[in-house]
Each structure stands twice: as structure tokens, then as C-alpha cells.
């Protein structure tokens, strides 16, 4: 069963648009939005497991030029 998580992303300066475009094109991104508030982008990520989620965040999103911080919220079904 796939693992879903919301990734809240803070971006430096004027790099929100380029970060949005890059993140939108990643395999495993279900939805992505620019938002107001303390974060600039929120993405819904689908990964096969926790390891896959970590790889997506650590090697693709966090390494993106302009990404300052991420917070990950794993979806739990109630």
C-alpha cells in the first residue's frame, strides 16, 4: 500500500515559481500548490514506502536550489 504525505516547503526569495515547476514534474507528486502563510508550496507526495518518501524529500526536493526548509506530514487514515 502506498504512503502519502504532505510536504510543506519554504523557498528563498523569488524562487517559488521555479521550485513549483520542478516539484510538479517529479514522479510521485499527486498535487502541488503555492500557498500563503509560513510556507510557500505544499505538495502531496505518494511513495511506495517510508524509504521512498525519504529519498524523494532528501534527494529531490531538499536539494533543489532555493528550498530553505521542508516539513513532512504523513497521512494517516482514521
PDB file of N, CA and C in Angstrom:
ATOM      1  N   UNK A   1       0.842  -1.184   0.000  1.00  0.00           N
ATOM      2  CA  UNK A   1       0.000   0.000   0.000  1.00  0.00           C
ATOM      3  C   UNK A   1       0.888   1.249   0.000  1.00  0.00           C
ATOM      4  N   UNK A   2       0.541   2.204  -0.806  1.00  0.00           N
ATOM      5  CA  UNK A   2       1.334   3.430  -0.945  1.00  0.00           C
ATOM      6  C   UNK A   2       1.237   4.295   0.307  1.00  0.00           C
ATOM      7  N   UNK A   3       2.258   5.093   0.493  1.00  0.00           N
ATOM      8  CA  UNK A   3       2.336   6.028   1.598  1.00  0.00           C
ATOM      9  C   UNK A   3       2.136   7.430   1.032  1.00  0.00           C
ATOM     10  N   UNK A   4       1.246   8.208   1.639  1.00  0.00           N
ATOM     11  CA  UNK A   4       1.013   9.588   1.212  1.00  0.00           C
ATOM     12  C   UNK A   4       1.475  10.542   2.299  1.00  0.00           C
ATOM     13  N   UNK A   5       2.012  11.680   1.883  1.00  0.00           N
ATOM     14  CA  UNK A   5       2.449  12.695   2.832  1.00  0.00           C
ATOM     15  C   UNK A   5       2.331  14.072   2.196  1.00  0.00           C
ATOM     16  N   UNK A   6       2.008  15.045   3.031  1.00  0.00           N
ATOM     17  CA  UNK A   6       2.046  16.439   2.606  1.00  0.00           C
ATOM     18  C   UNK A   6       3.427  16.976   2.958  1.00  0.00           C
ATOM     19  N   UNK A   7       4.067  17.614   1.989  1.00  0.00           N
ATOM     20  CA  UNK A   7       5.370  18.224   2.224  1.00  0.00           C
ATOM     21  C   UNK A   7       5.177  19.729   2.129  1.00  0.00           C
ATOM     22  N   UNK A   8       5.437  20.417   3.236  1.00  0.00           N
ATOM     23  CA  UNK A   8       5.317  21.867   3.316  1.00  0.00           C
ATOM     24  C   UNK A   8       6.704  22.443   3.069  1.00  0.00           C
ATOM     25  N   UNK A   9       6.803  23.356   2.124  1.00  0.00           N
ATOM     26  CA  UNK A   9       8.108  23.789   1.621  1.00  0.00           C
ATOM     27  C   UNK A   9       8.252  25.308   1.713  1.00  0.00           C
ATOM     28  N   UNK A  10       9.353  25.745   2.327  1.00  0.00           N
ATOM     29  CA  UNK A  10       9.707  27.167   2.341  1.00  0.00           C
ATOM     30  C   UNK A  10      10.784  27.393   1.294  1.00  0.00           C
ATOM     31  N   UNK A  11      10.598  28.453   0.518  1.00  0.00           N
ATOM     32  CA  UNK A  11      11.514  28.757  -0.578  1.00  0.00           C
ATOM     33  C   UNK A  11      12.127  30.134  -0.346  1.00  0.00           C
ATOM     34  N   UNK A  12      13.384  30.283  -0.714  1.00  0.00           N
ATOM     35  CA  UNK A  12      14.099  31.544  -0.568  1.00  0.00           C
ATOM     36  C   UNK A  12      13.714  32.504  -1.687  1.00  0.00           C
ATOM     37  N   UNK A  13      13.446  33.749  -1.314  1.00  0.00           N
ATOM     38  CA  UNK A  13      13.253  34.832  -2.277  1.00  0.00           C
ATOM     39  C   UNK A  13      12.269  34.558  -3.391  1.00  0.00           C
ATOM     40  N   UNK A  14      12.720  34.788  -4.619  1.00  0.00           N
ATOM     41  CA  UNK A  14      11.838  34.721  -5.784  1.00  0.00           C
ATOM     42  C   UNK A  14      11.902  33.369  -6.499  1.00  0.00           C
ATOM     43  N   UNK A  15      12.275  32.323  -5.816  1.00  0.00           N
ATOM     44  CA  UNK A  15      12.441  31.019  -6.464  1.00  0.00           C
ATOM     45  C   UNK A  15      11.202  30.130  -6.372  1.00  0.00           C
ATOM     46  N   UNK A  16      10.098  30.665  -5.886  1.00  0.00           N
ATOM     47  CA  UNK A  16       8.889  29.857  -5.720  1.00  0.00           C
ATOM     48  C   UNK A  16       8.405  29.283  -7.043  1.00  0.00           C
ATOM     49  N   UNK A  17       8.352  30.092  -8.084  1.00  0.00           N
ATOM     50  CA  UNK A  17       7.827  29.619  -9.370  1.00  0.00           C
ATOM     51  C   UNK A  17       8.686  28.499  -9.959  1.00  0.00           C
ATOM     52  N   UNK A  18      10.002  28.666  -9.936  1.00  0.00           N
ATOM     53  CA  UNK A  18      10.868  27.619 -10.494  1.00  0.00           C
ATOM     54  C   UNK A  18      10.815  26.349  -9.646  1.00  0.00           C
ATOM     55  N   UNK A  19      10.741  26.493  -8.335  1.00  0.00           N
ATOM     56  CA  UNK A  19      10.619  25.320  -7.461  1.00  0.00           C
ATOM     57  C   UNK A  19       9.292  24.617  -7.710  1.00  0.00           C
ATOM     58  N   UNK A  20       8.226  25.386  -7.856  1.00  0.00           N
ATOM     59  CA  UNK A  20       6.904  24.822  -8.134  1.00  0.00           C
ATOM     60  C   UNK A  20       6.927  23.988  -9.415  1.00  0.00           C
ATOM     61  N   UNK A  21       7.507  24.529 -10.470  1.00  0.00           N
ATOM     62  CA  UNK A  21       7.557  23.817 -11.756  1.00  0.00           C
ATOM     63  C   UNK A  21       8.354  22.520 -11.643  1.00  0.00           C
ATOM     64  N   UNK A  22       9.494  22.577 -10.967  1.00  0.00           N
ATOM     65  CA  UNK A  22      10.329  21.386 -10.811  1.00  0.00           C
ATOM     66  C   UNK A  22       9.602  20.317  -9.998  1.00  0.00           C
ATOM     67  N   UNK A  23       9.042  20.713  -8.864  1.00  0.00           N
ATOM     68  CA  UNK A  23       8.354  19.762  -7.983  1.00  0.00           C
ATOM     69  C   UNK A  23       7.138  19.169  -8.682  1.00  0.00           C
ATOM     70  N   UNK A  24       6.409  19.975  -9.431  1.00  0.00           N
ATOM     71  CA  UNK A  24       5.224  19.494 -10.154  1.00  0.00           C
ATOM     72  C   UNK A  24       5.555  18.366 -11.119  1.00  0.00           C
ATOM     73  N   UNK A  25       6.760  18.382 -11.669  1.00  0.00           N
ATOM     74  CA  UNK A  25       7.153  17.394 -12.677  1.00  0.00           C
ATOM     75  C   UNK A  25       7.717  16.099 -12.085  1.00  0.00           C
ATOM     76  N   UNK A  26       7.927  16.062 -10.779  1.00  0.00           N
ATOM     77  CA  UNK A  26       8.506  14.871 -10.161  1.00  0.00           C
ATOM     78  C   UNK A  26       7.521  13.709 -10.142  1.00  0.00           C
ATOM     79  N   UNK A  27       8.036  12.525 -10.398  1.00  0.00           N
ATOM     80  CA  UNK A  27       7.223  11.315 -10.298  1.00  0.00           C
ATOM     81  C   UNK A  27       6.852  11.115  -8.825  1.00  0.00           C
ATOM     82  N   UNK A  28       5.590  10.850  -8.570  1.00  0.00           N
ATOM     83  CA  UNK A  28       5.124  10.640  -7.206  1.00  0.00           C
ATOM     84  C   UNK A  28       4.410  11.843  -6.614  1.00  0.00           C
ATOM     85  N   UNK A  29       4.451  12.979  -7.304  1.00  0.00           N
ATOM     86  CA  UNK A  29       3.730  14.162  -6.828  1.00  0.00           C
ATOM     87  C   UNK A  29       2.290  14.057  -7.315  1.00  0.00           C
ATOM     88  N   UNK A  30       1.346  14.013  -6.364  1.00  0.00           N
ATOM     89  CA  UNK A  30      -0.068  13.911  -6.734  1.00  0.00           C
ATOM     90  C   UNK A  30      -0.672  15.290  -6.987  1.00  0.00           C
ATOM     91  N   UNK A  31      -0.387  16.235  -6.109  1.00  0.00           N
ATOM     92  CA  UNK A  31      -0.828  17.620  -6.287  1.00  0.00           C
ATOM     93  C   UNK A  31       0.230  18.539  -5.691  1.00  0.00           C
ATOM     94  N   UNK A  32       0.257  19.764  -6.178  1.00  0.00           N
ATOM     95  CA  UNK A  32       1.167  20.770  -5.635  1.00  0.00           C
ATOM     96  C   UNK A  32       0.497  22.134  -5.773  1.00  0.00           C
ATOM     97  N   UNK A  33       0.640  22.950  -4.740  1.00  0.00           N
ATOM     98  CA  UNK A  33       0.004  24.270  -4.726  1.00  0.00           C
ATOM     99  C   UNK A  33       0.957  25.295  -4.128  1.00  0.00           C
ATOM    100  N   UNK A  34       0.893  26.524  -4.629  1.00  0.00           N
ATOM    101  CA  UNK A  34       1.532  27.631  -3.927  1.00  0.00           C
ATOM    102  C   UNK A  34       0.486  28.158  -2.955  1.00  0.00           C
ATOM    103  N   UNK A  35       0.944  28.554  -1.769  1.00  0.00           N
ATOM    104  CA  UNK A  35       0.019  28.936  -0.705  1.00  0.00           C
ATOM    105  C   UNK A  35       0.523  30.178   0.022  1.00  0.00           C
ATOM    106  N   UNK A  36      -0.358  30.767   0.816  1.00  0.00           N
ATOM    107  CA  UNK A  36       0.032  31.866   1.692  1.00  0.00           C
ATOM    108  C   UNK A  36       0.340  31.293   3.068  1.00  0.00           C
ATOM    109  N   UNK A  37       0.962  32.099   3.907  1.00  0.00           N
ATOM    110  CA  UNK A  37       1.294  31.640   5.249  1.00  0.00           C
ATOM    111  C   UNK A  37       2.787  31.388   5.381  1.00  0.00           C
ATOM    112  N   UNK A  38       3.173  30.610   6.378  1.00  0.00           N
ATOM    113  CA  UNK A  38       4.602  30.412   6.634  1.00  0.00           C
ATOM    114  C   UNK A  38       5.316  29.568   5.577  1.00  0.00           C
ATOM    115  N   UNK A  39       4.570  28.816   4.783  1.00  0.00           N
ATOM    116  CA  UNK A  39       5.162  28.002   3.721  1.00  0.00           C
ATOM    117  C   UNK A  39       4.773  28.578   2.371  1.00  0.00           C
ATOM    118  N   UNK A  40       5.563  28.270   1.355  1.00  0.00           N
ATOM    119  CA  UNK A  40       5.323  28.787   0.010  1.00  0.00           C
ATOM    120  C   UNK A  40       4.661  27.768  -0.906  1.00  0.00           C
ATOM    121  N   UNK A  41       4.969  26.496  -0.682  1.00  0.00           N
ATOM    122  CA  UNK A  41       4.463  25.408  -1.524  1.00  0.00           C
ATOM    123  C   UNK A  41       4.034  24.255  -0.626  1.00  0.00           C
ATOM    124  N   UNK A  42       2.921  23.620  -0.986  1.00  0.00           N
ATOM    125  CA  UNK A  42       2.510  22.378  -0.332  1.00  0.00           C
ATOM    126  C   UNK A  42       2.316  21.340  -1.425  1.00  0.00           C
ATOM    127  N   UNK A  43       2.965  20.185  -1.243  1.00  0.00           N
ATOM    128  CA  UNK A  43       2.869  19.104  -2.224  1.00  0.00           C
ATOM    129  C   UNK A  43       2.350  17.842  -1.549  1.00  0.00           C
ATOM    130  N   UNK A  44       1.474  17.132  -2.239  1.00  0.00           N
ATOM    131  CA  UNK A  44       1.021  15.822  -1.783  1.00  0.00           C
ATOM    132  C   UNK A  44       1.846  14.788  -2.531  1.00  0.00           C
ATOM    133  N   UNK A  45       2.616  14.017  -1.778  1.00  0.00           N
ATOM    134  CA  UNK A  45       3.545  13.039  -2.343  1.00  0.00           C
ATOM    135  C   UNK A  45       3.015  11.631  -2.096  1.00  0.00           C
ATOM    136  N   UNK A  46       3.138  10.780  -3.114  1.00  0.00           N
ATOM    137  CA  UNK A  46       2.823   9.364  -2.950  1.00  0.00           C
ATOM    138  C   UNK A  46       4.107   8.579  -3.177  1.00  0.00           C
ATOM    139  N   UNK A  47       4.453   7.739  -2.209  1.00  0.00           N
ATOM    140  CA  UNK A  47       5.660   6.920  -2.302  1.00  0.00           C
ATOM    141  C   UNK A  47       5.303   5.477  -1.960  1.00  0.00           C
ATOM    142  N   UNK A  48       6.106   4.527  -2.440  1.00  0.00           N
ATOM    143  CA  UNK A  48       5.795   3.131  -2.162  1.00  0.00           C
ATOM    144  C   UNK A  48       5.960   2.763  -0.689  1.00  0.00           C
ATOM    145  N   UNK A  49       6.853   3.471   0.009  1.00  0.00           N
ATOM    146  CA  UNK A  49       7.121   3.175   1.415  1.00  0.00           C
ATOM    147  C   UNK A  49       7.863   4.359   2.038  1.00  0.00           C
ATOM    148  N   UNK A  50       8.205   4.230   3.320  1.00  0.00           N
ATOM    149  CA  UNK A  50       8.877   5.311   4.029  1.00  0.00           C
ATOM    150  C   UNK A  50      10.252   5.614   3.431  1.00  0.00           C
ATOM    151  N   UNK A  51      10.961   4.598   3.016  1.00  0.00           N
ATOM    152  CA  UNK A  51      12.269   4.801   2.384  1.00  0.00           C
ATOM    153  C   UNK A  51      12.129   5.616   1.099  1.00  0.00           C
ATOM    154  N   UNK A  52      11.140   5.286   0.278  1.00  0.00           N
ATOM    155  CA  UNK A  52      10.904   6.024  -0.958  1.00  0.00           C
ATOM    156  C   UNK A  52      10.523   7.472  -0.700  1.00  0.00           C
ATOM    157  N   UNK A  53       9.734   7.693   0.353  1.00  0.00           N
ATOM    158  CA  UNK A  53       9.360   9.056   0.724  1.00  0.00           C
ATOM    159  C   UNK A  53      10.599   9.844   1.128  1.00  0.00           C
ATOM    160  N   UNK A  54      11.435   9.234   1.957  1.00  0.00           N
ATOM    161  CA  UNK A  54      12.665   9.895   2.386  1.00  0.00           C
ATOM    162  C   UNK A  54      13.573  10.237   1.221  1.00  0.00           C
ATOM    163  N   UNK A  55      13.705   9.317   0.284  1.00  0.00           N
ATOM    164  CA  UNK A  55      14.542   9.571  -0.894  1.00  0.00           C
ATOM    165  C   UNK A  55      14.005  10.732  -1.720  1.00  0.00           C
ATOM    166  N   UNK A  56      12.688  10.779  -1.892  1.00  0.00           N
ATOM    167  CA  UNK A  56      12.067  11.873  -2.648  1.00  0.00           C
ATOM    168  C   UNK A  56      12.370  13.218  -1.988  1.00  0.00           C
ATOM    169  N   UNK A  57      12.180  13.282  -0.684  1.00  0.00           N
ATOM    170  CA  UNK A  57      12.357  14.551   0.018  1.00  0.00           C
ATOM    171  C   UNK A  57      13.832  14.935   0.103  1.00  0.00           C
ATOM    172  N   UNK A  58      14.668  13.996   0.523  1.00  0.00           N
ATOM    173  CA  UNK A  58      16.076  14.320   0.755  1.00  0.00           C
ATOM    174  C   UNK A  58      16.889  14.511  -0.517  1.00  0.00           C
ATOM    175  N   UNK A  59      16.619  13.714  -1.555  1.00  0.00           N
ATOM    176  CA  UNK A  59      17.468  13.806  -2.746  1.00  0.00           C
ATOM    177  C   UNK A  59      16.881  14.632  -3.880  1.00  0.00           C
ATOM    178  N   UNK A  60      15.587  14.915  -3.834  1.00  0.00           N
ATOM    179  CA  UNK A  60      14.990  15.675  -4.939  1.00  0.00           C
ATOM    180  C   UNK A  60      14.449  17.032  -4.508  1.00  0.00           C
ATOM    181  N   UNK A  61      13.719  17.085  -3.405  1.00  0.00           N
ATOM    182  CA  UNK A  61      13.095  18.352  -3.001  1.00  0.00           C
ATOM    183  C   UNK A  61      14.063  19.216  -2.201  1.00  0.00           C
ATOM    184  N   UNK A  62      14.679  18.663  -1.168  1.00  0.00           N
ATOM    185  CA  UNK A  62      15.569  19.463  -0.312  1.00  0.00           C
ATOM    186  C   UNK A  62      16.830  19.935  -1.020  1.00  0.00           C
ATOM    187  N   UNK A  63      17.253  19.231  -2.048  1.00  0.00           N
ATOM    188  CA  UNK A  63      18.468  19.638  -2.767  1.00  0.00           C
ATOM    189  C   UNK A  63      18.190  20.691  -3.836  1.00  0.00           C
ATOM    190  N   UNK A  64      16.932  20.984  -4.071  1.00  0.00           N
ATOM    191  CA  UNK A  64      16.537  21.959  -5.082  1.00  0.00           C
ATOM    192  C   UNK A  64      16.999  23.355  -4.686  1.00  0.00           C
ATOM    193  N   UNK A  65      17.617  24.059  -5.614  1.00  0.00           N
ATOM    194  CA  UNK A  65      18.098  25.411  -5.364  1.00  0.00           C
ATOM    195  C   UNK A  65      16.939  26.302  -4.923  1.00  0.00           C
ATOM    196  N   UNK A  66      17.103  26.944  -3.792  1.00  0.00           N
ATOM    197  CA  UNK A  66      16.084  27.845  -3.286  1.00  0.00           C
ATOM    198  C   UNK A  66      15.230  27.260  -2.179  1.00  0.00           C
ATOM    199  N   UNK A  67      15.230  25.948  -2.011  1.00  0.00           N
ATOM    200  CA  UNK A  67      14.446  25.342  -0.931  1.00  0.00           C
ATOM    201  C   UNK A  67      15.197  25.551   0.377  1.00  0.00           C
ATOM    202  N   UNK A  68      14.539  26.220   1.308  1.00  0.00           N
ATOM    203  CA  UNK A  68      15.152  26.559   2.591  1.00  0.00           C
ATOM    204  C   UNK A  68      14.797  25.548   3.668  1.00  0.00           C
ATOM    205  N   UNK A  69      13.562  25.032   3.629  1.00  0.00           N
ATOM    206  CA  UNK A  69      13.093  24.159   4.707  1.00  0.00           C
ATOM    207  C   UNK A  69      11.924  23.324   4.213  1.00  0.00           C
ATOM    208  N   UNK A  70      11.811  22.106   4.739  1.00  0.00           N
ATOM    209  CA  UNK A  70      10.631  21.288   4.478  1.00  0.00           C
ATOM    210  C   UNK A  70      10.118  20.713   5.787  1.00  0.00           C
ATOM    211  N   UNK A  71       8.817  20.526   5.846  1.00  0.00           N
ATOM    212  CA  UNK A  71       8.168  19.825   6.947  1.00  0.00           C
ATOM    213  C   UNK A  71       7.277  18.773   6.318  1.00  0.00           C
ATOM    214  N   UNK A  72       7.382  17.543   6.797  1.00  0.00           N
ATOM    215  CA  UNK A  72       6.630  16.436   6.216  1.00  0.00           C
ATOM    216  C   UNK A  72       5.554  15.965   7.181  1.00  0.00           C
ATOM    217  N   UNK A  73       4.329  15.843   6.672  1.00  0.00           N
ATOM    218  CA  UNK A  73       3.184  15.369   7.452  1.00  0.00           C
ATOM    219  C   UNK A  73       2.637  14.120   6.776  1.00  0.00           C
ATOM    220  N   UNK A  74       2.883  12.964   7.384  1.00  0.00           N
ATOM    221  CA  UNK A  74       2.433  11.701   6.805  1.00  0.00           C
ATOM    222  C   UNK A  74       0.933  11.544   7.030  1.00  0.00           C
ATOM    223  N   UNK A  75       0.235  11.144   5.981  1.00  0.00           N
ATOM    224  CA  UNK A  75      -1.215  10.950   6.051  1.00  0.00           C
ATOM    225  C   UNK A  75      -1.498   9.638   6.779  1.00  0.00           C
ATOM    226  N   UNK A  76      -2.376   9.713   7.787  1.00  0.00           N
ATOM    227  CA  UNK A  76      -2.839   8.509   8.478  1.00  0.00           C
ATOM    228  C   UNK A  76      -4.344   8.421   8.295  1.00  0.00           C
ATOM    229  N   UNK A  77      -4.815   7.252   8.034  1.00  0.00           N
ATOM    230  CA  UNK A  77      -6.252   7.057   7.873  1.00  0.00           C
ATOM    231  C   UNK A  77      -6.862   6.806   9.241  1.00  0.00           C
ATOM    232  N   UNK A  78      -7.939   7.499   9.549  1.00  0.00           N
ATOM    233  CA  UNK A  78      -8.619   7.330  10.833  1.00  0.00           C
ATOM    234  C   UNK A  78      -9.918   6.590  10.610  1.00  0.00           C
TER     235      UNK A  78
END
